[in-house]
Amino acid sequence: MSQALKFWEKLEKFSWEEQLIKAKGGNTDGIAAITGAFLGAYLGVDKIPKKFMKIENKKKLIKLGKEIVNN
């Protein structure tokens, strides 16, 4: 099982920060991105700690997301 998916077994037992820290090592950018995406989908955006909310191109991504949902 890949490192990026291992957290699913214990997802409800850990916080956002703990899961992202567990994803460190190796391809950290890719693993952290996948982990963040899964956690966001599972837990919802309201559960993301504010310190992780600095998003590059945030307005563009929100607009794109709305376009995808509405089409």
C-alpha atoms as a PDB file:
ATOM      1  CA  MET A   1       0.000   0.000   0.000  1.00  0.00           C
ATOM      2  CA  SER A   2       1.416   3.436  -0.876  1.00  0.00           C
ATOM      3  CA  GLN A   3       2.441   5.858   1.851  1.00  0.00           C
ATOM      4  CA  ALA A   4      -0.129   8.378   0.625  1.00  0.00           C
ATOM      5  CA  LEU A   5      -3.002   5.953   1.255  1.00  0.00           C
ATOM      6  CA  LYS A   6      -1.888   4.353   4.537  1.00  0.00           C
ATOM      7  CA  PHE A   7      -3.516   7.053   6.612  1.00  0.00           C
ATOM      8  CA  TRP A   8      -7.005   5.931   5.509  1.00  0.00           C
ATOM      9  CA  GLU A   9      -6.850   3.037   7.986  1.00  0.00           C
ATOM     10  CA  LYS A  10      -6.484   5.421  10.920  1.00  0.00           C
ATOM     11  CA  LEU A  11      -7.930   8.632   9.504  1.00  0.00           C
ATOM     12  CA  GLU A  12     -10.471   9.264  12.241  1.00  0.00           C
ATOM     13  CA  LYS A  13      -7.848   8.926  14.981  1.00  0.00           C
ATOM     14  CA  PHE A  14      -5.505  11.704  13.791  1.00  0.00           C
ATOM     15  CA  SER A  15      -5.646  15.432  13.204  1.00  0.00           C
ATOM     16  CA  TRP A  16      -4.816  17.304   9.994  1.00  0.00           C
ATOM     17  CA  GLU A  17      -1.391  18.282  11.271  1.00  0.00           C
ATOM     18  CA  GLU A  18      -0.509  14.763  12.419  1.00  0.00           C
ATOM     19  CA  GLN A  19      -1.436  13.298   9.040  1.00  0.00           C
ATOM     20  CA  LEU A  20       0.598  15.842   7.081  1.00  0.00           C
ATOM     21  CA  ILE A  21       3.602  15.292   9.339  1.00  0.00           C
ATOM     22  CA  LYS A  22       3.292  11.520   8.796  1.00  0.00           C
ATOM     23  CA  ALA A  23       3.371  12.130   5.036  1.00  0.00           C
ATOM     24  CA  LYS A  24       6.876  13.643   5.170  1.00  0.00           C
ATOM     25  CA  GLY A  25       9.880  11.969   3.556  1.00  0.00           C
ATOM     26  CA  GLY A  26      10.684  10.955  -0.003  1.00  0.00           C
ATOM     27  CA  ASN A  27       8.425  12.766  -2.466  1.00  0.00           C
ATOM     28  CA  THR A  28       7.181  15.167   0.188  1.00  0.00           C
ATOM     29  CA  ASP A  29       5.468  17.614  -2.149  1.00  0.00           C
ATOM     30  CA  GLY A  30       3.440  14.933  -3.901  1.00  0.00           C
ATOM     31  CA  ILE A  31       2.626  12.920  -0.792  1.00  0.00           C
ATOM     32  CA  ALA A  32       1.639  15.997   1.203  1.00  0.00           C
ATOM     33  CA  ALA A  33      -0.530  17.239  -1.683  1.00  0.00           C
ATOM     34  CA  ILE A  34      -2.337  13.909  -1.962  1.00  0.00           C
ATOM     35  CA  THR A  35      -2.714  13.649   1.815  1.00  0.00           C
ATOM     36  CA  GLY A  36      -4.085  17.186   1.996  1.00  0.00           C
ATOM     37  CA  ALA A  37      -6.528  16.498  -0.827  1.00  0.00           C
ATOM     38  CA  PHE A  38      -7.842  13.326   0.824  1.00  0.00           C
ATOM     39  CA  LEU A  39      -8.143  15.012   4.210  1.00  0.00           C
ATOM     40  CA  GLY A  40      -9.909  18.003   2.689  1.00  0.00           C
ATOM     41  CA  ALA A  41     -12.382  15.768   0.890  1.00  0.00           C
ATOM     42  CA  TYR A  42     -12.977  13.585   3.940  1.00  0.00           C
ATOM     43  CA  LEU A  43     -12.991  16.136   6.768  1.00  0.00           C
ATOM     44  CA  GLY A  44     -14.041  19.287   4.913  1.00  0.00           C
ATOM     45  CA  VAL A  45     -12.339  22.623   4.443  1.00  0.00           C
ATOM     46  CA  ASP A  46     -13.536  23.897   7.835  1.00  0.00           C
ATOM     47  CA  LYS A  47     -11.281  21.364   9.590  1.00  0.00           C
ATOM     48  CA  ILE A  48      -8.081  22.621   7.910  1.00  0.00           C
ATOM     49  CA  PRO A  49      -5.941  24.528  10.448  1.00  0.00           C
ATOM     50  CA  LYS A  50      -5.533  28.192   9.461  1.00  0.00           C
ATOM     51  CA  LYS A  51      -1.736  27.821   9.318  1.00  0.00           C
ATOM     52  CA  PHE A  52      -2.175  25.468   6.325  1.00  0.00           C
ATOM     53  CA  MET A  53      -4.518  27.793   4.432  1.00  0.00           C
ATOM     54  CA  LYS A  54      -1.905  29.795   2.497  1.00  0.00           C
ATOM     55  CA  ILE A  55      -2.839  28.743  -1.026  1.00  0.00           C
ATOM     56  CA  GLU A  56      -1.129  29.930  -4.181  1.00  0.00           C
ATOM     57  CA  ASN A  57      -3.580  31.107  -6.857  1.00  0.00           C
ATOM     58  CA  LYS A  58      -6.431  30.722  -4.361  1.00  0.00           C
ATOM     59  CA  LYS A  59      -8.945  32.915  -6.217  1.00  0.00           C
ATOM     60  CA  LYS A  60      -8.232  31.187  -9.526  1.00  0.00           C
ATOM     61  CA  LEU A  61      -8.611  27.728  -7.955  1.00  0.00           C
ATOM     62  CA  ILE A  62     -11.897  28.657  -6.267  1.00  0.00           C
ATOM     63  CA  LYS A  63     -13.245  30.006  -9.562  1.00  0.00           C
ATOM     64  CA  LEU A  64     -12.150  26.857 -11.393  1.00  0.00           C
ATOM     65  CA  GLY A  65     -13.730  24.643  -8.721  1.00  0.00           C
ATOM     66  CA  LYS A  66     -17.037  26.484  -9.014  1.00  0.00           C
ATOM     67  CA  GLU A  67     -16.942  26.162 -12.806  1.00  0.00           C
ATOM     68  CA  ILE A  68     -16.354  22.415 -12.520  1.00  0.00           C
ATOM     69  CA  VAL A  69     -19.220  21.968 -10.050  1.00  0.00           C
ATOM     70  CA  ASN A  70     -21.641  24.079 -12.087  1.00  0.00           C
ATOM     71  CA  ASN A  71     -20.947  22.428 -15.448  1.00  0.00           C
END
